[in-house]
Full PDB file with SEQRES, HELIX, SHEET, SSBOND, CRYST1, ORIGX, SCALE, CONECT and MASTER records, all heavy atoms in Angstrom:
SEQRES   1 A   39  ALA LEU LEU ASN PRO PHE GLY GLN ASP TRP THR LEU ASP          
SEQRES   2 A   39  ASN TYR VAL GLY VAL LEU GLN GLY SER ASP MET ALA ILE          
SEQRES   3 A   39  GLY PHE LEU ASN THR ILE VAL VAL ALA VAL PRO ALA THR          
HELIX    1 AA1 PRO A    5  GLY A    7  5                                   3    
HELIX    2 AA2 ASP A   13  GLN A   20  1                                   8    
HELIX    3 AA3 MET A   24  ALA A   35  1                                  12    
CRYST1    1.000    1.000    1.000  90.00  90.00  90.00 P 1           1          
ORIGX1      1.000000  0.000000  0.000000        0.00000                         
ORIGX2      0.000000  1.000000  0.000000        0.00000                         
ORIGX3      0.000000  0.000000  1.000000        0.00000                         
SCALE1      1.000000  0.000000  0.000000        0.00000                         
SCALE2      0.000000  1.000000  0.000000        0.00000                         
SCALE3      0.000000  0.000000  1.000000        0.00000                         
ATOM      1  N   ALA A   1      60.339 -33.650 -66.426  1.00  0.00           N  
ATOM      2  CA  ALA A   1      59.845 -33.382 -67.740  1.00  0.00           C  
ATOM      3  C   ALA A   1      59.800 -34.662 -68.726  1.00  0.00           C  
ATOM      4  O   ALA A   1      58.985 -34.619 -69.681  1.00  0.00           O  
ATOM      5  CB  ALA A   1      60.856 -32.352 -68.409  1.00  0.00           C  
ATOM      6  N   LEU A   2      60.555 -35.677 -68.391  1.00  0.00           N  
ATOM      7  CA  LEU A   2      60.552 -37.020 -69.039  1.00  0.00           C  
ATOM      8  C   LEU A   2      59.327 -37.739 -68.747  1.00  0.00           C  
ATOM      9  O   LEU A   2      58.639 -38.321 -69.539  1.00  0.00           O  
ATOM     10  CB  LEU A   2      61.732 -37.712 -68.909  1.00  0.00           C  
ATOM     11  CG  LEU A   2      63.103 -37.213 -69.603  1.00  0.00           C  
ATOM     12  CD1 LEU A   2      64.305 -38.122 -69.224  1.00  0.00           C  
ATOM     13  CD2 LEU A   2      62.927 -37.133 -71.145  1.00  0.00           C  
ATOM     14  N   LEU A   3      58.947 -37.667 -67.422  1.00  0.00           N  
ATOM     15  CA  LEU A   3      57.875 -38.417 -66.859  1.00  0.00           C  
ATOM     16  C   LEU A   3      56.557 -37.881 -67.237  1.00  0.00           C  
ATOM     17  O   LEU A   3      55.594 -38.666 -67.387  1.00  0.00           O  
ATOM     18  CB  LEU A   3      58.041 -38.753 -65.363  1.00  0.00           C  
ATOM     19  CG  LEU A   3      59.271 -39.302 -64.927  1.00  0.00           C  
ATOM     20  CD1 LEU A   3      59.376 -39.362 -63.332  1.00  0.00           C  
ATOM     21  CD2 LEU A   3      59.398 -40.807 -65.411  1.00  0.00           C  
ATOM     22  N   ASN A   4      56.538 -36.581 -67.325  1.00  0.00           N  
ATOM     23  CA  ASN A   4      55.209 -35.833 -67.485  1.00  0.00           C  
ATOM     24  C   ASN A   4      55.497 -34.730 -68.580  1.00  0.00           C  
ATOM     25  O   ASN A   4      55.510 -33.540 -68.146  1.00  0.00           O  
ATOM     26  CB  ASN A   4      54.628 -35.304 -66.331  1.00  0.00           C  
ATOM     27  CG  ASN A   4      53.254 -34.645 -66.577  1.00  0.00           C  
ATOM     28  OD1 ASN A   4      52.551 -35.071 -67.596  1.00  0.00           O  
ATOM     29  ND2 ASN A   4      52.779 -33.907 -65.643  1.00  0.00           N  
ATOM     30  N   PRO A   5      55.829 -34.985 -69.735  1.00  0.00           N  
ATOM     31  CA  PRO A   5      56.219 -33.902 -70.682  1.00  0.00           C  
ATOM     32  C   PRO A   5      55.124 -32.895 -70.998  1.00  0.00           C  
ATOM     33  O   PRO A   5      55.387 -31.765 -71.357  1.00  0.00           O  
ATOM     34  CB  PRO A   5      56.670 -34.681 -71.992  1.00  0.00           C  
ATOM     35  CG  PRO A   5      55.879 -36.082 -71.952  1.00  0.00           C  
ATOM     36  CD  PRO A   5      55.974 -36.429 -70.393  1.00  0.00           C  
ATOM     37  N   PHE A   6      53.862 -33.413 -71.038  1.00  0.00           N  
ATOM     38  CA  PHE A   6      52.767 -32.584 -71.395  1.00  0.00           C  
ATOM     39  C   PHE A   6      52.323 -31.568 -70.296  1.00  0.00           C  
ATOM     40  O   PHE A   6      51.561 -30.675 -70.389  1.00  0.00           O  
ATOM     41  CB  PHE A   6      51.550 -33.325 -71.963  1.00  0.00           C  
ATOM     42  CG  PHE A   6      51.880 -34.022 -73.269  1.00  0.00           C  
ATOM     43  CD1 PHE A   6      52.146 -35.488 -73.146  1.00  0.00           C  
ATOM     44  CD2 PHE A   6      51.950 -33.443 -74.328  1.00  0.00           C  
ATOM     45  CE1 PHE A   6      52.417 -36.181 -74.235  1.00  0.00           C  
ATOM     46  CE2 PHE A   6      52.257 -34.176 -75.624  1.00  0.00           C  
ATOM     47  CZ  PHE A   6      52.456 -35.527 -75.585  1.00  0.00           C  
ATOM     48  N   GLY A   7      52.836 -31.896 -69.124  1.00  0.00           N  
ATOM     49  CA  GLY A   7      52.448 -31.120 -67.882  1.00  0.00           C  
ATOM     50  C   GLY A   7      53.571 -30.025 -67.582  1.00  0.00           C  
ATOM     51  O   GLY A   7      53.434 -29.431 -66.490  1.00  0.00           O  
ATOM     52  N   GLN A   8      54.465 -29.793 -68.553  1.00  0.00           N  
ATOM     53  CA  GLN A   8      55.486 -28.848 -68.236  1.00  0.00           C  
ATOM     54  C   GLN A   8      55.232 -27.467 -68.918  1.00  0.00           C  
ATOM     55  O   GLN A   8      54.603 -27.380 -69.930  1.00  0.00           O  
ATOM     56  CB  GLN A   8      56.800 -29.368 -68.778  1.00  0.00           C  
ATOM     57  CG  GLN A   8      57.197 -30.709 -68.130  1.00  0.00           C  
ATOM     58  CD  GLN A   8      57.534 -30.524 -66.613  1.00  0.00           C  
ATOM     59  OE1 GLN A   8      58.081 -29.588 -66.227  1.00  0.00           O  
ATOM     60  NE2 GLN A   8      57.152 -31.550 -65.825  1.00  0.00           N  
ATOM     61  N   ASP A   9      55.788 -26.495 -68.366  1.00  0.00           N  
ATOM     62  CA  ASP A   9      55.626 -25.119 -68.900  1.00  0.00           C  
ATOM     63  C   ASP A   9      56.813 -24.813 -69.786  1.00  0.00           C  
ATOM     64  O   ASP A   9      57.694 -24.161 -69.411  1.00  0.00           O  
ATOM     65  CB  ASP A   9      55.458 -24.097 -67.771  1.00  0.00           C  
ATOM     66  CG  ASP A   9      55.281 -22.754 -68.362  1.00  0.00           C  
ATOM     67  OD1 ASP A   9      54.759 -22.510 -69.557  1.00  0.00           O  
ATOM     68  OD2 ASP A   9      55.527 -21.702 -67.583  1.00  0.00           O  
ATOM     69  N   TRP A  10      56.813 -25.520 -71.038  1.00  0.00           N  
ATOM     70  CA  TRP A  10      57.910 -25.307 -71.856  1.00  0.00           C  
ATOM     71  C   TRP A  10      57.994 -23.847 -72.395  1.00  0.00           C  
ATOM     72  O   TRP A  10      57.008 -23.217 -72.671  1.00  0.00           O  
ATOM     73  CB  TRP A  10      57.847 -26.236 -73.142  1.00  0.00           C  
ATOM     74  CG  TRP A  10      57.755 -27.709 -72.753  1.00  0.00           C  
ATOM     75  CD1 TRP A  10      56.654 -28.506 -72.623  1.00  0.00           C  
ATOM     76  CD2 TRP A  10      58.773 -28.533 -72.188  1.00  0.00           C  
ATOM     77  NE1 TRP A  10      57.007 -29.788 -72.338  1.00  0.00           N  
ATOM     78  CE2 TRP A  10      58.322 -29.754 -72.017  1.00  0.00           C  
ATOM     79  CE3 TRP A  10      60.250 -28.225 -72.007  1.00  0.00           C  
ATOM     80  CZ2 TRP A  10      59.036 -30.799 -71.576  1.00  0.00           C  
ATOM     81  CZ3 TRP A  10      60.969 -29.257 -71.567  1.00  0.00           C  
ATOM     82  CH2 TRP A  10      60.377 -30.595 -71.330  1.00  0.00           C  
ATOM     83  N   THR A  11      59.159 -23.342 -72.574  1.00  0.00           N  
ATOM     84  CA  THR A  11      59.264 -21.946 -73.001  1.00  0.00           C  
ATOM     85  C   THR A  11      60.734 -21.826 -73.845  1.00  0.00           C  
ATOM     86  O   THR A  11      61.620 -22.588 -73.513  1.00  0.00           O  
ATOM     87  CB  THR A  11      59.381 -21.015 -71.707  1.00  0.00           C  
ATOM     88  OG1 THR A  11      59.476 -19.625 -72.214  1.00  0.00           O  
ATOM     89  CG2 THR A  11      60.357 -21.396 -70.775  1.00  0.00           C  
ATOM     90  N   LEU A  12      60.736 -20.749 -74.574  1.00  0.00           N  
ATOM     91  CA  LEU A  12      61.929 -20.342 -75.357  1.00  0.00           C  
ATOM     92  C   LEU A  12      62.551 -19.154 -74.758  1.00  0.00           C  
ATOM     93  O   LEU A  12      63.586 -18.570 -75.309  1.00  0.00           O  
ATOM     94  CB  LEU A  12      61.701 -20.209 -76.859  1.00  0.00           C  
ATOM     95  CG  LEU A  12      61.315 -21.375 -77.592  1.00  0.00           C  
ATOM     96  CD1 LEU A  12      60.874 -20.969 -79.066  1.00  0.00           C  
ATOM     97  CD2 LEU A  12      62.378 -22.527 -77.614  1.00  0.00           C  
ATOM     98  N   ASP A  13      61.870 -18.621 -73.543  1.00  0.00           N  
ATOM     99  CA  ASP A  13      62.299 -17.361 -73.005  1.00  0.00           C  
ATOM    100  C   ASP A  13      63.767 -17.382 -72.523  1.00  0.00           C  
ATOM    101  O   ASP A  13      64.600 -16.369 -72.433  1.00  0.00           O  
ATOM    102  CB  ASP A  13      61.436 -17.052 -71.846  1.00  0.00           C  
ATOM    103  CG  ASP A  13      60.080 -16.612 -72.281  1.00  0.00           C  
ATOM    104  OD1 ASP A  13      59.999 -16.380 -73.539  1.00  0.00           O  
ATOM    105  OD2 ASP A  13      59.204 -16.661 -71.389  1.00  0.00           O  
ATOM    106  N   ASN A  14      64.364 -18.643 -72.164  1.00  0.00           N  
ATOM    107  CA  ASN A  14      65.762 -18.747 -71.665  1.00  0.00           C  
ATOM    108  C   ASN A  14      66.604 -18.458 -72.782  1.00  0.00           C  
ATOM    109  O   ASN A  14      67.725 -17.579 -72.618  1.00  0.00           O  
ATOM    110  CB  ASN A  14      65.898 -20.164 -71.240  1.00  0.00           C  
ATOM    111  CG  ASN A  14      65.131 -20.461 -69.948  1.00  0.00           C  
ATOM    112  OD1 ASN A  14      64.674 -19.531 -69.279  1.00  0.00           O  
ATOM    113  ND2 ASN A  14      64.828 -21.770 -69.798  1.00  0.00           N  
ATOM    114  N   TYR A  15      66.510 -18.929 -73.943  1.00  0.00           N  
ATOM    115  CA  TYR A  15      67.320 -18.690 -75.107  1.00  0.00           C  
ATOM    116  C   TYR A  15      67.204 -17.315 -75.606  1.00  0.00           C  
ATOM    117  O   TYR A  15      68.194 -16.551 -75.978  1.00  0.00           O  
ATOM    118  CB  TYR A  15      66.962 -19.652 -76.229  1.00  0.00           C  
ATOM    119  CG  TYR A  15      67.360 -21.001 -76.051  1.00  0.00           C  
ATOM    120  CD1 TYR A  15      66.511 -21.910 -75.472  1.00  0.00           C  
ATOM    121  CD2 TYR A  15      68.734 -21.410 -76.288  1.00  0.00           C  
ATOM    122  CE1 TYR A  15      66.839 -23.263 -75.167  1.00  0.00           C  
ATOM    123  CE2 TYR A  15      69.129 -22.747 -76.094  1.00  0.00           C  
ATOM    124  CZ  TYR A  15      68.170 -23.611 -75.528  1.00  0.00           C  
ATOM    125  OH  TYR A  15      68.610 -24.952 -75.326  1.00  0.00           O  
ATOM    126  N   VAL A  16      65.979 -16.639 -75.559  1.00  0.00           N  
ATOM    127  CA  VAL A  16      65.767 -15.317 -75.958  1.00  0.00           C  
ATOM    128  C   VAL A  16      66.572 -14.347 -74.927  1.00  0.00           C  
ATOM    129  O   VAL A  16      67.109 -13.404 -75.205  1.00  0.00           O  
ATOM    130  CB  VAL A  16      64.292 -14.965 -75.830  1.00  0.00           C  
ATOM    131  CG1 VAL A  16      64.116 -13.419 -76.140  1.00  0.00           C  
ATOM    132  CG2 VAL A  16      63.584 -15.809 -76.987  1.00  0.00           C  
ATOM    133  N   GLY A  17      66.444 -14.792 -73.546  1.00  0.00           N  
ATOM    134  CA  GLY A  17      67.015 -13.875 -72.642  1.00  0.00           C  
ATOM    135  C   GLY A  17      68.571 -13.984 -72.751  1.00  0.00           C  
ATOM    136  O   GLY A  17      69.222 -13.009 -72.456  1.00  0.00           O  
ATOM    137  N   VAL A  18      69.043 -15.167 -73.033  1.00  0.00           N  
ATOM    138  CA  VAL A  18      70.530 -15.293 -73.302  1.00  0.00           C  
ATOM    139  C   VAL A  18      71.152 -14.464 -74.442  1.00  0.00           C  
ATOM    140  O   VAL A  18      72.034 -13.653 -74.435  1.00  0.00           O  
ATOM    141  CB  VAL A  18      70.954 -16.719 -73.382  1.00  0.00           C  
ATOM    142  CG1 VAL A  18      72.426 -16.835 -73.763  1.00  0.00           C  
ATOM    143  CG2 VAL A  18      70.751 -17.443 -72.106  1.00  0.00           C  
ATOM    144  N   LEU A  19      70.397 -14.501 -75.519  1.00  0.00           N  
ATOM    145  CA  LEU A  19      70.728 -13.878 -76.770  1.00  0.00           C  
ATOM    146  C   LEU A  19      70.447 -12.336 -76.729  1.00  0.00           C  
ATOM    147  O   LEU A  19      71.302 -11.580 -77.246  1.00  0.00           O  
ATOM    148  CB  LEU A  19      70.061 -14.396 -78.019  1.00  0.00           C  
ATOM    149  CG  LEU A  19      70.289 -15.886 -78.257  1.00  0.00           C  
ATOM    150  CD1 LEU A  19      69.509 -16.521 -79.339  1.00  0.00           C  
ATOM    151  CD2 LEU A  19      71.868 -16.129 -78.624  1.00  0.00           C  
ATOM    152  N   GLN A  20      69.469 -11.923 -76.126  1.00  0.00           N  
ATOM    153  CA  GLN A  20      69.058 -10.440 -76.059  1.00  0.00           C  
ATOM    154  C   GLN A  20      69.728  -9.775 -74.772  1.00  0.00           C  
ATOM    155  O   GLN A  20      70.027  -8.627 -74.857  1.00  0.00           O  
ATOM    156  CB  GLN A  20      67.662 -10.300 -76.004  1.00  0.00           C  
ATOM    157  CG  GLN A  20      67.014 -10.676 -77.345  1.00  0.00           C  
ATOM    158  CD  GLN A  20      65.490 -10.473 -77.396  1.00  0.00           C  
ATOM    159  OE1 GLN A  20      64.843 -10.109 -76.357  1.00  0.00           O  
ATOM    160  NE2 GLN A  20      64.886 -10.633 -78.617  1.00  0.00           N  
ATOM    161  N   GLY A  21      69.718 -10.531 -73.683  1.00  0.00           N  
ATOM    162  CA  GLY A  21      70.198  -9.751 -72.365  1.00  0.00           C  
ATOM    163  C   GLY A  21      71.696  -9.898 -72.123  1.00  0.00           C  
ATOM    164  O   GLY A  21      72.097  -9.403 -71.171  1.00  0.00           O  
ATOM    165  N   SER A  22      72.480 -10.395 -73.037  1.00  0.00           N  
ATOM    166  CA  SER A  22      73.878 -10.551 -72.688  1.00  0.00           C  
ATOM    167  C   SER A  22      74.604 -10.396 -74.039  1.00  0.00           C  
ATOM    168  O   SER A  22      73.975 -10.290 -75.117  1.00  0.00           O  
ATOM    169  CB  SER A  22      74.235 -11.860 -72.120  1.00  0.00           C  
ATOM    170  OG  SER A  22      73.906 -12.953 -72.894  1.00  0.00           O  
ATOM    171  N   ASP A  23      75.917 -10.150 -74.011  1.00  0.00           N  
ATOM    172  CA  ASP A  23      76.769 -10.148 -75.200  1.00  0.00           C  
ATOM    173  C   ASP A  23      77.324 -11.483 -75.696  1.00  0.00           C  
ATOM    174  O   ASP A  23      78.407 -11.695 -75.939  1.00  0.00           O  
ATOM    175  CB  ASP A  23      77.860  -9.221 -74.893  1.00  0.00           C  
ATOM    176  CG  ASP A  23      77.371  -7.769 -74.638  1.00  0.00           C  
ATOM    177  OD1 ASP A  23      76.410  -7.403 -75.251  1.00  0.00           O  
ATOM    178  OD2 ASP A  23      78.109  -7.024 -73.821  1.00  0.00           O  
ATOM    179  N   MET A  24      76.301 -12.484 -75.697  1.00  0.00           N  
ATOM    180  CA  MET A  24      76.782 -13.698 -75.923  1.00  0.00           C  
ATOM    181  C   MET A  24      77.315 -13.943 -77.435  1.00  0.00           C  
ATOM    182  O   MET A  24      78.259 -14.503 -77.617  1.00  0.00           O  
ATOM    183  CB  MET A  24      75.566 -14.772 -75.839  1.00  0.00           C  
ATOM    184  CG  MET A  24      75.917 -16.206 -75.890  1.00  0.00           C  
ATOM    185  SD  MET A  24      77.014 -16.765 -74.516  1.00  0.00           S  
ATOM    186  CE  MET A  24      75.673 -16.649 -73.247  1.00  0.00           C  
ATOM    187  N   ALA A  25      76.710 -13.172 -78.398  1.00  0.00           N  
ATOM    188  CA  ALA A  25      77.211 -13.256 -79.845  1.00  0.00           C  
ATOM    189  C   ALA A  25      78.585 -12.652 -79.838  1.00  0.00           C  
ATOM    190  O   ALA A  25      79.521 -13.244 -80.435  1.00  0.00           O  
ATOM    191  CB  ALA A  25      76.356 -12.385 -80.588  1.00  0.00           C  
ATOM    192  N   ILE A  26      79.018 -11.513 -79.098  1.00  0.00           N  
ATOM    193  CA  ILE A  26      80.321 -11.089 -79.073  1.00  0.00           C  
ATOM    194  C   ILE A  26      81.204 -12.035 -78.445  1.00  0.00           C  
ATOM    195  O   ILE A  26      82.403 -12.217 -78.673  1.00  0.00           O  
ATOM    196  CB  ILE A  26      80.286  -9.705 -78.418  1.00  0.00           C  
ATOM    197  CG1 ILE A  26      79.452  -8.765 -79.147  1.00  0.00           C  
ATOM    198  CG2 ILE A  26      81.744  -9.194 -78.149  1.00  0.00           C  
ATOM    199  CD1 ILE A  26      79.332  -7.382 -78.432  1.00  0.00           C  
ATOM    200  N   GLY A  27      80.656 -12.722 -77.246  1.00  0.00           N  
ATOM    201  CA  GLY A  27      81.487 -13.699 -76.648  1.00  0.00           C  
ATOM    202  C   GLY A  27      81.861 -14.864 -77.553  1.00  0.00           C  
ATOM    203  O   GLY A  27      82.919 -15.359 -77.436  1.00  0.00           O  
ATOM    204  N   PHE A  28      80.975 -15.352 -78.345  1.00  0.00           N  
ATOM    205  CA  PHE A  28      81.185 -16.462 -79.328  1.00  0.00           C  
ATOM    206  C   PHE A  28      82.414 -15.938 -80.211  1.00  0.00           C  
ATOM    207  O   PHE A  28      83.356 -16.672 -80.522  1.00  0.00           O  
ATOM    208  CB  PHE A  28      79.987 -16.728 -80.162  1.00  0.00           C  
ATOM    209  CG  PHE A  28      79.152 -17.941 -79.566  1.00  0.00           C  
ATOM    210  CD1 PHE A  28      78.042 -17.643 -78.706  1.00  0.00           C  
ATOM    211  CD2 PHE A  28      79.509 -19.081 -79.761  1.00  0.00           C  
ATOM    212  CE1 PHE A  28      77.372 -18.762 -78.281  1.00  0.00           C  
ATOM    213  CE2 PHE A  28      78.860 -20.200 -79.346  1.00  0.00           C  
ATOM    214  CZ  PHE A  28      77.690 -20.023 -78.426  1.00  0.00           C  
ATOM    215  N   LEU A  29      82.252 -14.769 -80.774  1.00  0.00           N  
ATOM    216  CA  LEU A  29      83.265 -14.254 -81.634  1.00  0.00           C  
ATOM    217  C   LEU A  29      84.653 -14.169 -80.937  1.00  0.00           C  
ATOM    218  O   LEU A  29      85.609 -14.488 -81.519  1.00  0.00           O  
ATOM    219  CB  LEU A  29      82.882 -12.889 -82.145  1.00  0.00           C  
ATOM    220  CG  LEU A  29      83.794 -12.229 -83.298  1.00  0.00           C  
ATOM    221  CD1 LEU A  29      84.036 -13.212 -84.478  1.00  0.00           C  
ATOM    222  CD2 LEU A  29      83.311 -10.869 -83.603  1.00  0.00           C  
ATOM    223  N   ASN A  30      84.578 -13.660 -79.761  1.00  0.00           N  
ATOM    224  CA  ASN A  30      85.858 -13.664 -79.102  1.00  0.00           C  
ATOM    225  C   ASN A  30      86.426 -14.983 -78.800  1.00  0.00           C  
ATOM    226  O   ASN A  30      87.690 -15.158 -78.842  1.00  0.00           O  
ATOM    227  CB  ASN A  30      85.515 -12.805 -77.585  1.00  0.00           C  
ATOM    228  CG  ASN A  30      85.373 -11.342 -77.779  1.00  0.00           C  
ATOM    229  OD1 ASN A  30      85.682 -10.792 -78.815  1.00  0.00           O  
ATOM    230  ND2 ASN A  30      84.665 -10.853 -76.791  1.00  0.00           N  
ATOM    231  N   THR A  31      85.640 -15.843 -78.507  1.00  0.00           N  
ATOM    232  CA  THR A  31      86.095 -17.316 -78.259  1.00  0.00           C  
ATOM    233  C   THR A  31      86.693 -17.938 -79.513  1.00  0.00           C  
ATOM    234  O   THR A  31      87.669 -18.570 -79.442  1.00  0.00           O  
ATOM    235  CB  THR A  31      84.907 -18.147 -77.635  1.00  0.00           C  
ATOM    236  OG1 THR A  31      84.274 -17.559 -76.613  1.00  0.00           O  
ATOM    237  CG2 THR A  31      85.554 -19.451 -77.207  1.00  0.00           C  
ATOM    238  N   ILE A  32      86.160 -17.647 -80.556  1.00  0.00           N  
ATOM    239  CA  ILE A  32      86.707 -18.067 -81.794  1.00  0.00           C  
ATOM    240  C   ILE A  32      88.006 -17.482 -82.107  1.00  0.00           C  
ATOM    241  O   ILE A  32      89.082 -18.125 -82.545  1.00  0.00           O  
ATOM    242  CB  ILE A  32      85.716 -17.936 -83.006  1.00  0.00           C  
ATOM    243  CG1 ILE A  32      84.414 -18.642 -82.844  1.00  0.00           C  
ATOM    244  CG2 ILE A  32      86.428 -18.126 -84.348  1.00  0.00           C  
ATOM    245  CD1 ILE A  32      83.333 -18.413 -83.912  1.00  0.00           C  
ATOM    246  N   VAL A  33      88.180 -16.164 -81.952  1.00  0.00           N  
ATOM    247  CA  VAL A  33      89.358 -15.408 -82.078  1.00  0.00           C  
ATOM    248  C   VAL A  33      90.481 -15.978 -81.120  1.00  0.00           C  
ATOM    249  O   VAL A  33      91.705 -16.104 -81.582  1.00  0.00           O  
ATOM    250  CB  VAL A  33      89.136 -13.937 -81.825  1.00  0.00           C  
ATOM    251  CG1 VAL A  33      90.498 -13.138 -81.844  1.00  0.00           C  
ATOM    252  CG2 VAL A  33      88.215 -13.292 -82.833  1.00  0.00           C  
ATOM    253  N   VAL A  34      90.041 -16.471 -79.958  1.00  0.00           N  
ATOM    254  CA  VAL A  34      91.069 -17.040 -79.046  1.00  0.00           C  
ATOM    255  C   VAL A  34      91.471 -18.402 -79.417  1.00  0.00           C  
ATOM    256  O   VAL A  34      92.581 -18.781 -79.463  1.00  0.00           O  
ATOM    257  CB  VAL A  34      90.474 -16.931 -77.610  1.00  0.00           C  
ATOM    258  CG1 VAL A  34      91.367 -17.903 -76.568  1.00  0.00           C  
ATOM    259  CG2 VAL A  34      90.507 -15.571 -77.003  1.00  0.00           C  
ATOM    260  N   ALA A  35      90.415 -19.221 -79.727  1.00  0.00           N  
ATOM    261  CA  ALA A  35      90.491 -20.754 -79.925  1.00  0.00           C  
ATOM    262  C   ALA A  35      91.254 -21.116 -81.092  1.00  0.00           C  
ATOM    263  O   ALA A  35      92.205 -21.972 -81.130  1.00  0.00           O  
ATOM    264  CB  ALA A  35      89.218 -21.372 -79.871  1.00  0.00           C  
ATOM    265  N   VAL A  36      91.100 -20.375 -82.245  1.00  0.00           N  
ATOM    266  CA  VAL A  36      91.737 -20.801 -83.474  1.00  0.00           C  
ATOM    267  C   VAL A  36      93.178 -20.513 -83.500  1.00  0.00           C  
ATOM    268  O   VAL A  36      94.010 -21.564 -83.838  1.00  0.00           O  
ATOM    269  CB  VAL A  36      90.927 -20.023 -84.727  1.00  0.00           C  
ATOM    270  CG1 VAL A  36      91.703 -20.326 -85.955  1.00  0.00           C  
ATOM    271  CG2 VAL A  36      89.607 -20.439 -84.874  1.00  0.00           C  
ATOM    272  N   PRO A  37      93.776 -19.402 -83.192  1.00  0.00           N  
ATOM    273  CA  PRO A  37      95.169 -19.243 -83.147  1.00  0.00           C  
ATOM    274  C   PRO A  37      95.798 -20.095 -81.971  1.00  0.00           C  
ATOM    275  O   PRO A  37      96.988 -20.684 -82.144  1.00  0.00           O  
ATOM    276  CB  PRO A  37      95.345 -17.739 -82.852  1.00  0.00           C  
ATOM    277  CG  PRO A  37      94.130 -17.031 -83.225  1.00  0.00           C  
ATOM    278  CD  PRO A  37      93.131 -18.060 -83.047  1.00  0.00           C  
ATOM    279  N   ALA A  38      95.106 -20.099 -80.789  1.00  0.00           N  
ATOM    280  CA  ALA A  38      95.659 -20.957 -79.672  1.00  0.00           C  
ATOM    281  C   ALA A  38      95.573 -22.494 -80.041  1.00  0.00           C  
ATOM    282  O   ALA A  38      96.217 -23.274 -79.256  1.00  0.00           O  
ATOM    283  CB  ALA A  38      94.825 -20.737 -78.454  1.00  0.00           C  
ATOM    284  N   THR A  39      94.987 -22.836 -81.085  1.00  0.00           N  
ATOM    285  CA  THR A  39      95.060 -24.303 -81.478  1.00  0.00           C  
ATOM    286  C   THR A  39      96.097 -24.443 -82.568  1.00  0.00           C  
ATOM    287  O   THR A  39      96.891 -25.576 -82.525  1.00  0.00           O  
ATOM    288  CB  THR A  39      93.665 -24.736 -82.090  1.00  0.00           C  
ATOM    289  OG1 THR A  39      92.718 -24.564 -81.092  1.00  0.00           O  
ATOM    290  CG2 THR A  39      93.695 -26.106 -82.569  1.00  0.00           C  
TER     291      THR A  39                                                      
MASTER        0    0    0    3    0    0    0    6  290    1    0    3          
END                                                                             
């Protein structure tokens, strides 16, 4: 991708799939709930 950046099939589907197809937002909140008191 560095050698031929214009010949790549760039996409945002990976981020869309992570945010829509999983409970990543809830996981972020759970991690904050764990990390702050545990610090």
